[in-house]
C-alpha cells in the first residue's frame, strides 16, 4: 500500500511540497482555509505564483486533491505535514 499524504496549508511551501510528493506518484490531500485556493487546486491550477507549478499540478491532477476539512485529511490519510506561516 502506498503512503497517502496530507499537506496542511496550501501557500507557496505547502503547494510546492504537495506537488513534489504527487510527482513521485503519491496521493496528496491539501488543506487550506481559503475556499478559492481549494477550488483552484481541485481544478488543476495553482493557488500561488511559482515557476512551473501550474504545469506540474495539471500533470499530476489525479493525485492531488484539496479540502477545507482538517479532519478529513488527518483521519483519512497516513502522514500529515503542517506548514505554519507564523513560525520563525
PDB file of N, CA and C in Angstrom:
ATOM      1  N   UNK A   1       0.840  -1.184   0.000  1.00  0.00           N
ATOM      2  CA  UNK A   1       0.000   0.000   0.000  1.00  0.00           C
ATOM      3  C   UNK A   1       0.884   1.247   0.000  1.00  0.00           C
ATOM      4  N   UNK A   2       0.559   2.182  -0.815  1.00  0.00           N
ATOM      5  CA  UNK A   2       1.301   3.427  -0.927  1.00  0.00           C
ATOM      6  C   UNK A   2       0.862   4.412   0.162  1.00  0.00           C
ATOM      7  N   UNK A   3       1.815   5.133   0.713  1.00  0.00           N
ATOM      8  CA  UNK A   3       1.515   6.136   1.730  1.00  0.00           C
ATOM      9  C   UNK A   3       0.734   7.283   1.097  1.00  0.00           C
ATOM     10  N   UNK A   4      -0.295   7.743   1.802  1.00  0.00           N
ATOM     11  CA  UNK A   4      -1.107   8.876   1.345  1.00  0.00           C
ATOM     12  C   UNK A   4      -0.841  10.040   2.293  1.00  0.00           C
ATOM     13  N   UNK A   5      -0.553  11.207   1.733  1.00  0.00           N
ATOM     14  CA  UNK A   5      -0.121  12.364   2.496  1.00  0.00           C
ATOM     15  C   UNK A   5      -1.189  13.440   2.572  1.00  0.00           C
ATOM     16  N   UNK A   6      -1.155  14.204   3.672  1.00  0.00           N
ATOM     17  CA  UNK A   6      -1.933  15.437   3.729  1.00  0.00           C
ATOM     18  C   UNK A   6      -0.975  16.580   3.999  1.00  0.00           C
ATOM     19  N   UNK A   7      -1.269  17.703   3.375  1.00  0.00           N
ATOM     20  CA  UNK A   7      -0.446  18.902   3.497  1.00  0.00           C
ATOM     21  C   UNK A   7      -1.346  19.998   4.053  1.00  0.00           C
ATOM     22  N   UNK A   8      -1.133  20.363   5.315  1.00  0.00           N
ATOM     23  CA  UNK A   8      -1.946  21.381   5.958  1.00  0.00           C
ATOM     24  C   UNK A   8      -1.329  22.743   5.630  1.00  0.00           C
ATOM     25  N   UNK A   9      -2.050  23.540   4.875  1.00  0.00           N
ATOM     26  CA  UNK A   9      -1.563  24.842   4.428  1.00  0.00           C
ATOM     27  C   UNK A   9      -1.143  24.776   2.973  1.00  0.00           C
ATOM     28  N   UNK A  10      -1.829  25.514   2.128  1.00  0.00           N
ATOM     29  CA  UNK A  10      -1.537  25.491   0.697  1.00  0.00           C
ATOM     30  C   UNK A  10      -1.015  26.838   0.216  1.00  0.00           C
ATOM     31  N   UNK A  11      -0.030  27.364   0.929  1.00  0.00           N
ATOM     32  CA  UNK A  11       0.679  28.552   0.463  1.00  0.00           C
ATOM     33  C   UNK A  11       1.797  28.109  -0.466  1.00  0.00           C
ATOM     34  N   UNK A  12       2.821  28.937  -0.617  1.00  0.00           N
ATOM     35  CA  UNK A  12       3.936  28.596  -1.515  1.00  0.00           C
ATOM     36  C   UNK A  12       4.635  27.307  -1.100  1.00  0.00           C
ATOM     37  N   UNK A  13       4.954  27.164   0.171  1.00  0.00           N
ATOM     38  CA  UNK A  13       5.663  25.973   0.631  1.00  0.00           C
ATOM     39  C   UNK A  13       4.773  24.734   0.571  1.00  0.00           C
ATOM     40  N   UNK A  14       3.571  24.816   1.113  1.00  0.00           N
ATOM     41  CA  UNK A  14       2.683  23.661   1.138  1.00  0.00           C
ATOM     42  C   UNK A  14       2.313  23.164  -0.244  1.00  0.00           C
ATOM     43  N   UNK A  15       2.005  24.073  -1.141  1.00  0.00           N
ATOM     44  CA  UNK A  15       1.650  23.680  -2.509  1.00  0.00           C
ATOM     45  C   UNK A  15       2.844  23.060  -3.212  1.00  0.00           C
ATOM     46  N   UNK A  16       4.003  23.655  -3.074  1.00  0.00           N
ATOM     47  CA  UNK A  16       5.210  23.118  -3.715  1.00  0.00           C
ATOM     48  C   UNK A  16       5.545  21.728  -3.183  1.00  0.00           C
ATOM     49  N   UNK A  17       5.427  21.539  -1.859  1.00  0.00           N
ATOM     50  CA  UNK A  17       5.689  20.221  -1.270  1.00  0.00           C
ATOM     51  C   UNK A  17       4.666  19.199  -1.741  1.00  0.00           C
ATOM     52  N   UNK A  18       3.391  19.574  -1.769  1.00  0.00           N
ATOM     53  CA  UNK A  18       2.345  18.661  -2.211  1.00  0.00           C
ATOM     54  C   UNK A  18       2.578  18.214  -3.653  1.00  0.00           C
ATOM     55  N   UNK A  19       2.936  19.140  -4.499  1.00  0.00           N
ATOM     56  CA  UNK A  19       3.180  18.819  -5.907  1.00  0.00           C
ATOM     57  C   UNK A  19       4.408  17.924  -6.057  1.00  0.00           C
ATOM     58  N   UNK A  20       5.454  18.192  -5.288  1.00  0.00           N
ATOM     59  CA  UNK A  20       6.654  17.354  -5.348  1.00  0.00           C
ATOM     60  C   UNK A  20       6.338  15.917  -4.925  1.00  0.00           C
ATOM     61  N   UNK A  21       5.514  15.754  -3.909  1.00  0.00           N
ATOM     62  CA  UNK A  21       5.120  14.419  -3.450  1.00  0.00           C
ATOM     63  C   UNK A  21       4.249  13.732  -4.500  1.00  0.00           C
ATOM     64  N   UNK A  22       3.277  14.445  -5.048  1.00  0.00           N
ATOM     65  CA  UNK A  22       2.399  13.872  -6.073  1.00  0.00           C
ATOM     66  C   UNK A  22       3.180  13.491  -7.320  1.00  0.00           C
ATOM     67  N   UNK A  23       4.180  14.261  -7.641  1.00  0.00           N
ATOM     68  CA  UNK A  23       5.009  13.996  -8.822  1.00  0.00           C
ATOM     69  C   UNK A  23       5.738  12.655  -8.693  1.00  0.00           C
ATOM     70  N   UNK A  24       5.901  12.195  -7.466  1.00  0.00           N
ATOM     71  CA  UNK A  24       6.545  10.905  -7.208  1.00  0.00           C
ATOM     72  C   UNK A  24       5.511   9.781  -7.045  1.00  0.00           C
ATOM     73  N   UNK A  25       4.321  10.015  -7.590  1.00  0.00           N
ATOM     74  CA  UNK A  25       3.232   9.033  -7.675  1.00  0.00           C
ATOM     75  C   UNK A  25       2.513   8.742  -6.355  1.00  0.00           C
ATOM     76  N   UNK A  26       2.587   9.662  -5.395  1.00  0.00           N
ATOM     77  CA  UNK A  26       1.836   9.512  -4.158  1.00  0.00           C
ATOM     78  C   UNK A  26       0.594  10.391  -4.202  1.00  0.00           C
ATOM     79  N   UNK A  27      -0.455   9.974  -3.485  1.00  0.00           N
ATOM     80  CA  UNK A  27      -1.672  10.770  -3.357  1.00  0.00           C
ATOM     81  C   UNK A  27      -1.461  11.815  -2.262  1.00  0.00           C
ATOM     82  N   UNK A  28      -1.880  13.055  -2.527  1.00  0.00           N
ATOM     83  CA  UNK A  28      -1.741  14.147  -1.565  1.00  0.00           C
ATOM     84  C   UNK A  28      -3.055  14.913  -1.465  1.00  0.00           C
ATOM     85  N   UNK A  29      -3.503  15.131  -0.231  1.00  0.00           N
ATOM     86  CA  UNK A  29      -4.661  15.980   0.003  1.00  0.00           C
ATOM     87  C   UNK A  29      -4.173  17.247   0.698  1.00  0.00           C
ATOM     88  N   UNK A  30      -4.431  18.380   0.091  1.00  0.00           N
ATOM     89  CA  UNK A  30      -4.072  19.651   0.688  1.00  0.00           C
ATOM     90  C   UNK A  30      -5.231  20.220   1.479  1.00  0.00           C
ATOM     91  N   UNK A  31      -4.911  20.901   2.563  1.00  0.00           N
ATOM     92  CA  UNK A  31      -5.928  21.529   3.406  1.00  0.00           C
ATOM     93  C   UNK A  31      -5.630  23.013   3.484  1.00  0.00           C
ATOM     94  N   UNK A  32      -6.660  23.816   3.302  1.00  0.00           N
ATOM     95  CA  UNK A  32      -6.486  25.262   3.430  1.00  0.00           C
ATOM     96  C   UNK A  32      -7.801  25.869   3.914  1.00  0.00           C
ATOM     97  N   UNK A  33      -7.720  27.030   4.529  1.00  0.00           N
ATOM     98  CA  UNK A  33      -8.926  27.719   4.997  1.00  0.00           C
ATOM     99  C   UNK A  33      -9.511  28.627   3.924  1.00  0.00           C
ATOM    100  N   UNK A  34      -8.795  28.770   2.819  1.00  0.00           N
ATOM    101  CA  UNK A  34      -9.219  29.635   1.728  1.00  0.00           C
ATOM    102  C   UNK A  34      -9.959  28.820   0.671  1.00  0.00           C
ATOM    103  N   UNK A  35     -11.264  29.041   0.565  1.00  0.00           N
ATOM    104  CA  UNK A  35     -12.103  28.303  -0.388  1.00  0.00           C
ATOM    105  C   UNK A  35     -11.589  28.428  -1.822  1.00  0.00           C
ATOM    106  N   UNK A  36     -11.154  29.614  -2.216  1.00  0.00           N
ATOM    107  CA  UNK A  36     -10.665  29.820  -3.580  1.00  0.00           C
ATOM    108  C   UNK A  36      -9.404  28.988  -3.851  1.00  0.00           C
ATOM    109  N   UNK A  37      -8.513  28.884  -2.882  1.00  0.00           N
ATOM    110  CA  UNK A  37      -7.311  28.054  -3.044  1.00  0.00           C
ATOM    111  C   UNK A  37      -7.691  26.593  -3.242  1.00  0.00           C
ATOM    112  N   UNK A  38      -8.619  26.123  -2.437  1.00  0.00           N
ATOM    113  CA  UNK A  38      -9.087  24.738  -2.543  1.00  0.00           C
ATOM    114  C   UNK A  38      -9.702  24.487  -3.919  1.00  0.00           C
ATOM    115  N   UNK A  39     -10.532  25.377  -4.369  1.00  0.00           N
ATOM    116  CA  UNK A  39     -11.166  25.231  -5.681  1.00  0.00           C
ATOM    117  C   UNK A  39     -10.141  25.234  -6.809  1.00  0.00           C
ATOM    118  N   UNK A  40      -9.154  26.097  -6.712  1.00  0.00           N
ATOM    119  CA  UNK A  40      -8.117  26.160  -7.753  1.00  0.00           C
ATOM    120  C   UNK A  40      -7.323  24.847  -7.838  1.00  0.00           C
ATOM    121  N   UNK A  41      -6.924  24.323  -6.689  1.00  0.00           N
ATOM    122  CA  UNK A  41      -6.173  23.063  -6.678  1.00  0.00           C
ATOM    123  C   UNK A  41      -7.032  21.936  -7.255  1.00  0.00           C
ATOM    124  N   UNK A  42      -8.276  21.855  -6.854  1.00  0.00           N
ATOM    125  CA  UNK A  42      -9.162  20.792  -7.351  1.00  0.00           C
ATOM    126  C   UNK A  42      -9.447  20.909  -8.845  1.00  0.00           C
ATOM    127  N   UNK A  43      -9.287  22.103  -9.387  1.00  0.00           N
ATOM    128  CA  UNK A  43      -9.456  22.311 -10.829  1.00  0.00           C
ATOM    129  C   UNK A  43      -8.148  22.105 -11.593  1.00  0.00           C
ATOM    130  N   UNK A  44      -7.073  21.770 -10.869  1.00  0.00           N
ATOM    131  CA  UNK A  44      -5.782  21.530 -11.526  1.00  0.00           C
ATOM    132  C   UNK A  44      -4.952  22.775 -11.726  1.00  0.00           C
ATOM    133  N   UNK A  45      -5.212  23.806 -10.915  1.00  0.00           N
ATOM    134  CA  UNK A  45      -4.481  25.068 -11.018  1.00  0.00           C
ATOM    135  C   UNK A  45      -3.768  25.371  -9.708  1.00  0.00           C
ATOM    136  N   UNK A  46      -2.772  26.219  -9.772  1.00  0.00           N
ATOM    137  CA  UNK A  46      -2.044  26.587  -8.571  1.00  0.00           C
ATOM    138  C   UNK A  46      -2.726  27.745  -7.843  1.00  0.00           C
ATOM    139  N   UNK A  47      -2.742  27.716  -6.515  1.00  0.00           N
ATOM    140  CA  UNK A  47      -3.304  28.833  -5.757  1.00  0.00           C
ATOM    141  C   UNK A  47      -2.279  29.942  -5.518  1.00  0.00           C
ATOM    142  N   UNK A  48      -1.026  29.702  -5.902  1.00  0.00           N
ATOM    143  CA  UNK A  48       0.066  30.665  -5.679  1.00  0.00           C
ATOM    144  C   UNK A  48       0.914  30.781  -6.933  1.00  0.00           C
ATOM    145  N   UNK A  49       1.679  31.868  -7.032  1.00  0.00           N
ATOM    146  CA  UNK A  49       2.600  32.059  -8.149  1.00  0.00           C
ATOM    147  C   UNK A  49       3.924  31.382  -7.837  1.00  0.00           C
ATOM    148  N   UNK A  50       4.325  30.457  -8.667  1.00  0.00           N
ATOM    149  CA  UNK A  50       5.607  29.771  -8.511  1.00  0.00           C
ATOM    150  C   UNK A  50       5.974  29.182  -9.869  1.00  0.00           C
ATOM    151  N   UNK A  51       7.214  29.299 -10.252  1.00  0.00           N
ATOM    152  CA  UNK A  51       7.681  28.844 -11.559  1.00  0.00           C
ATOM    153  C   UNK A  51       7.354  27.373 -11.790  1.00  0.00           C
ATOM    154  N   UNK A  52       6.719  27.074 -12.923  1.00  0.00           N
ATOM    155  CA  UNK A  52       6.377  25.728 -13.389  1.00  0.00           C
ATOM    156  C   UNK A  52       5.366  24.978 -12.520  1.00  0.00           C
ATOM    157  N   UNK A  53       4.848  25.600 -11.486  1.00  0.00           N
ATOM    158  CA  UNK A  53       3.923  24.908 -10.591  1.00  0.00           C
ATOM    159  C   UNK A  53       2.582  24.612 -11.267  1.00  0.00           C
ATOM    160  N   UNK A  54       2.096  25.528 -12.063  1.00  0.00           N
ATOM    161  CA  UNK A  54       0.814  25.343 -12.763  1.00  0.00           C
ATOM    162  C   UNK A  54       0.845  24.082 -13.631  1.00  0.00           C
ATOM    163  N   UNK A  55       1.896  23.925 -14.418  1.00  0.00           N
ATOM    164  CA  UNK A  55       2.015  22.768 -15.305  1.00  0.00           C
ATOM    165  C   UNK A  55       2.165  21.470 -14.514  1.00  0.00           C
ATOM    166  N   UNK A  56       2.896  21.524 -13.418  1.00  0.00           N
ATOM    167  CA  UNK A  56       3.123  20.321 -12.621  1.00  0.00           C
ATOM    168  C   UNK A  56       1.851  19.887 -11.906  1.00  0.00           C
ATOM    169  N   UNK A  57       1.077  20.837 -11.399  1.00  0.00           N
ATOM    170  CA  UNK A  57      -0.210  20.481 -10.789  1.00  0.00           C
ATOM    171  C   UNK A  57      -1.127  19.867 -11.842  1.00  0.00           C
ATOM    172  N   UNK A  58      -1.206  20.473 -12.999  1.00  0.00           N
ATOM    173  CA  UNK A  58      -2.086  19.959 -14.054  1.00  0.00           C
ATOM    174  C   UNK A  58      -1.692  18.542 -14.470  1.00  0.00           C
ATOM    175  N   UNK A  59      -0.408  18.265 -14.553  1.00  0.00           N
ATOM    176  CA  UNK A  59       0.026  16.936 -14.998  1.00  0.00           C
ATOM    177  C   UNK A  59      -0.075  15.876 -13.904  1.00  0.00           C
ATOM    178  N   UNK A  60      -0.318  16.275 -12.667  1.00  0.00           N
ATOM    179  CA  UNK A  60      -0.466  15.326 -11.551  1.00  0.00           C
ATOM    180  C   UNK A  60      -1.826  15.457 -10.873  1.00  0.00           C
ATOM    181  N   UNK A  61      -2.779  16.035 -11.579  1.00  0.00           N
ATOM    182  CA  UNK A  61      -4.105  16.352 -11.029  1.00  0.00           C
ATOM    183  C   UNK A  61      -4.813  15.147 -10.404  1.00  0.00           C
ATOM    184  N   UNK A  62      -4.614  13.962 -10.940  1.00  0.00           N
ATOM    185  CA  UNK A  62      -5.300  12.784 -10.410  1.00  0.00           C
ATOM    186  C   UNK A  62      -4.802  12.367  -9.025  1.00  0.00           C
ATOM    187  N   UNK A  63      -3.650  12.881  -8.614  1.00  0.00           N
ATOM    188  CA  UNK A  63      -3.095  12.538  -7.301  1.00  0.00           C
ATOM    189  C   UNK A  63      -3.153  13.684  -6.296  1.00  0.00           C
ATOM    190  N   UNK A  64      -3.695  14.834  -6.693  1.00  0.00           N
ATOM    191  CA  UNK A  64      -3.753  15.991  -5.802  1.00  0.00           C
ATOM    192  C   UNK A  64      -5.217  16.404  -5.617  1.00  0.00           C
ATOM    193  N   UNK A  65      -5.609  16.552  -4.376  1.00  0.00           N
ATOM    194  CA  UNK A  65      -6.964  16.986  -4.037  1.00  0.00           C
ATOM    195  C   UNK A  65      -6.836  17.984  -2.897  1.00  0.00           C
ATOM    196  N   UNK A  66      -7.762  18.903  -2.790  1.00  0.00           N
ATOM    197  CA  UNK A  66      -7.742  19.877  -1.701  1.00  0.00           C
ATOM    198  C   UNK A  66      -9.091  19.904  -0.994  1.00  0.00           C
ATOM    199  N   UNK A  67      -9.055  20.280   0.264  1.00  0.00           N
ATOM    200  CA  UNK A  67     -10.263  20.332   1.087  1.00  0.00           C
ATOM    201  C   UNK A  67     -10.148  21.456   2.108  1.00  0.00           C
ATOM    202  N   UNK A  68     -11.278  21.861   2.643  1.00  0.00           N
ATOM    203  CA  UNK A  68     -11.306  22.819   3.747  1.00  0.00           C
ATOM    204  C   UNK A  68     -11.272  22.095   5.098  1.00  0.00           C
ATOM    205  N   UNK A  69     -11.431  20.778   5.076  1.00  0.00           N
ATOM    206  CA  UNK A  69     -11.588  19.991   6.302  1.00  0.00           C
ATOM    207  C   UNK A  69     -10.273  19.377   6.788  1.00  0.00           C
ATOM    208  N   UNK A  70      -9.763  19.918   7.894  1.00  0.00           N
ATOM    209  CA  UNK A  70      -8.570  19.329   8.503  1.00  0.00           C
ATOM    210  C   UNK A  70      -8.863  17.900   8.950  1.00  0.00           C
ATOM    211  N   UNK A  71     -10.055  17.695   9.483  1.00  0.00           N
ATOM    212  CA  UNK A  71     -10.440  16.376   9.974  1.00  0.00           C
ATOM    213  C   UNK A  71     -10.412  15.336   8.854  1.00  0.00           C
ATOM    214  N   UNK A  72     -10.967  15.676   7.714  1.00  0.00           N
ATOM    215  CA  UNK A  72     -10.990  14.756   6.572  1.00  0.00           C
ATOM    216  C   UNK A  72      -9.576  14.336   6.184  1.00  0.00           C
ATOM    217  N   UNK A  73      -8.674  15.275   6.128  1.00  0.00           N
ATOM    218  CA  UNK A  73      -7.306  14.990   5.702  1.00  0.00           C
ATOM    219  C   UNK A  73      -6.539  14.174   6.733  1.00  0.00           C
ATOM    220  N   UNK A  74      -6.659  14.520   7.986  1.00  0.00           N
ATOM    221  CA  UNK A  74      -5.867  13.853   9.017  1.00  0.00           C
ATOM    222  C   UNK A  74      -6.380  12.442   9.295  1.00  0.00           C
ATOM    223  N   UNK A  75      -7.670  12.266   9.366  1.00  0.00           N
ATOM    224  CA  UNK A  75      -8.236  10.954   9.691  1.00  0.00           C
ATOM    225  C   UNK A  75      -8.082   9.969   8.529  1.00  0.00           C
ATOM    226  N   UNK A  76      -8.251  10.427   7.312  1.00  0.00           N
ATOM    227  CA  UNK A  76      -8.290   9.519   6.167  1.00  0.00           C
ATOM    228  C   UNK A  76      -6.941   9.250   5.500  1.00  0.00           C
ATOM    229  N   UNK A  77      -5.888   9.945   5.918  1.00  0.00           N
ATOM    230  CA  UNK A  77      -4.598   9.765   5.256  1.00  0.00           C
ATOM    231  C   UNK A  77      -3.551   9.277   6.249  1.00  0.00           C
ATOM    232  N   UNK A  78      -2.396   8.908   5.749  1.00  0.00           N
ATOM    233  CA  UNK A  78      -1.380   8.240   6.562  1.00  0.00           C
ATOM    234  C   UNK A  78      -0.391   9.176   7.249  1.00  0.00           C
ATOM    235  N   UNK A  79      -0.007  10.237   6.592  1.00  0.00           N
ATOM    236  CA  UNK A  79       1.041  11.117   7.108  1.00  0.00           C
ATOM    237  C   UNK A  79       0.681  12.564   6.796  1.00  0.00           C
ATOM    238  N   UNK A  80       0.770  13.434   7.809  1.00  0.00           N
ATOM    239  CA  UNK A  80       0.391  14.837   7.627  1.00  0.00           C
ATOM    240  C   UNK A  80       1.584  15.759   7.869  1.00  0.00           C
ATOM    241  N   UNK A  81       1.708  16.772   7.030  1.00  0.00           N
ATOM    242  CA  UNK A  81       2.679  17.836   7.205  1.00  0.00           C
ATOM    243  C   UNK A  81       1.907  19.113   7.526  1.00  0.00           C
ATOM    244  N   UNK A  82       2.386  19.875   8.498  1.00  0.00           N
ATOM    245  CA  UNK A  82       1.733  21.123   8.866  1.00  0.00           C
ATOM    246  C   UNK A  82       2.690  22.269   8.554  1.00  0.00           C
ATOM    247  N   UNK A  83       2.244  23.191   7.739  1.00  0.00           N
ATOM    248  CA  UNK A  83       3.033  24.360   7.380  1.00  0.00           C
ATOM    249  C   UNK A  83       2.525  25.535   8.197  1.00  0.00           C
ATOM    250  N   UNK A  84       3.362  26.073   9.050  1.00  0.00           N
ATOM    251  CA  UNK A  84       2.979  27.193   9.923  1.00  0.00           C
ATOM    252  C   UNK A  84       3.623  28.483   9.391  1.00  0.00           C
ATOM    253  N   UNK A  85       2.834  29.336   8.778  1.00  0.00           N
ATOM    254  CA  UNK A  85       3.402  30.578   8.216  1.00  0.00           C
ATOM    255  C   UNK A  85       3.898  31.541   9.293  1.00  0.00           C
ATOM    256  N   UNK A  86       3.520  31.319  10.533  1.00  0.00           N
ATOM    257  CA  UNK A  86       3.927  32.216  11.615  1.00  0.00           C
ATOM    258  C   UNK A  86       5.200  31.778  12.333  1.00  0.00           C
ATOM    259  N   UNK A  87       5.726  30.599  11.989  1.00  0.00           N
ATOM    260  CA  UNK A  87       6.939  30.142  12.673  1.00  0.00           C
ATOM    261  C   UNK A  87       8.157  30.874  12.134  1.00  0.00           C
ATOM    262  N   UNK A  88       9.161  30.990  12.952  1.00  0.00           N
ATOM    263  CA  UNK A  88      10.375  31.716  12.551  1.00  0.00           C
ATOM    264  C   UNK A  88      11.523  30.766  12.390  1.00  0.00           C
TER     265      UNK A  88
END
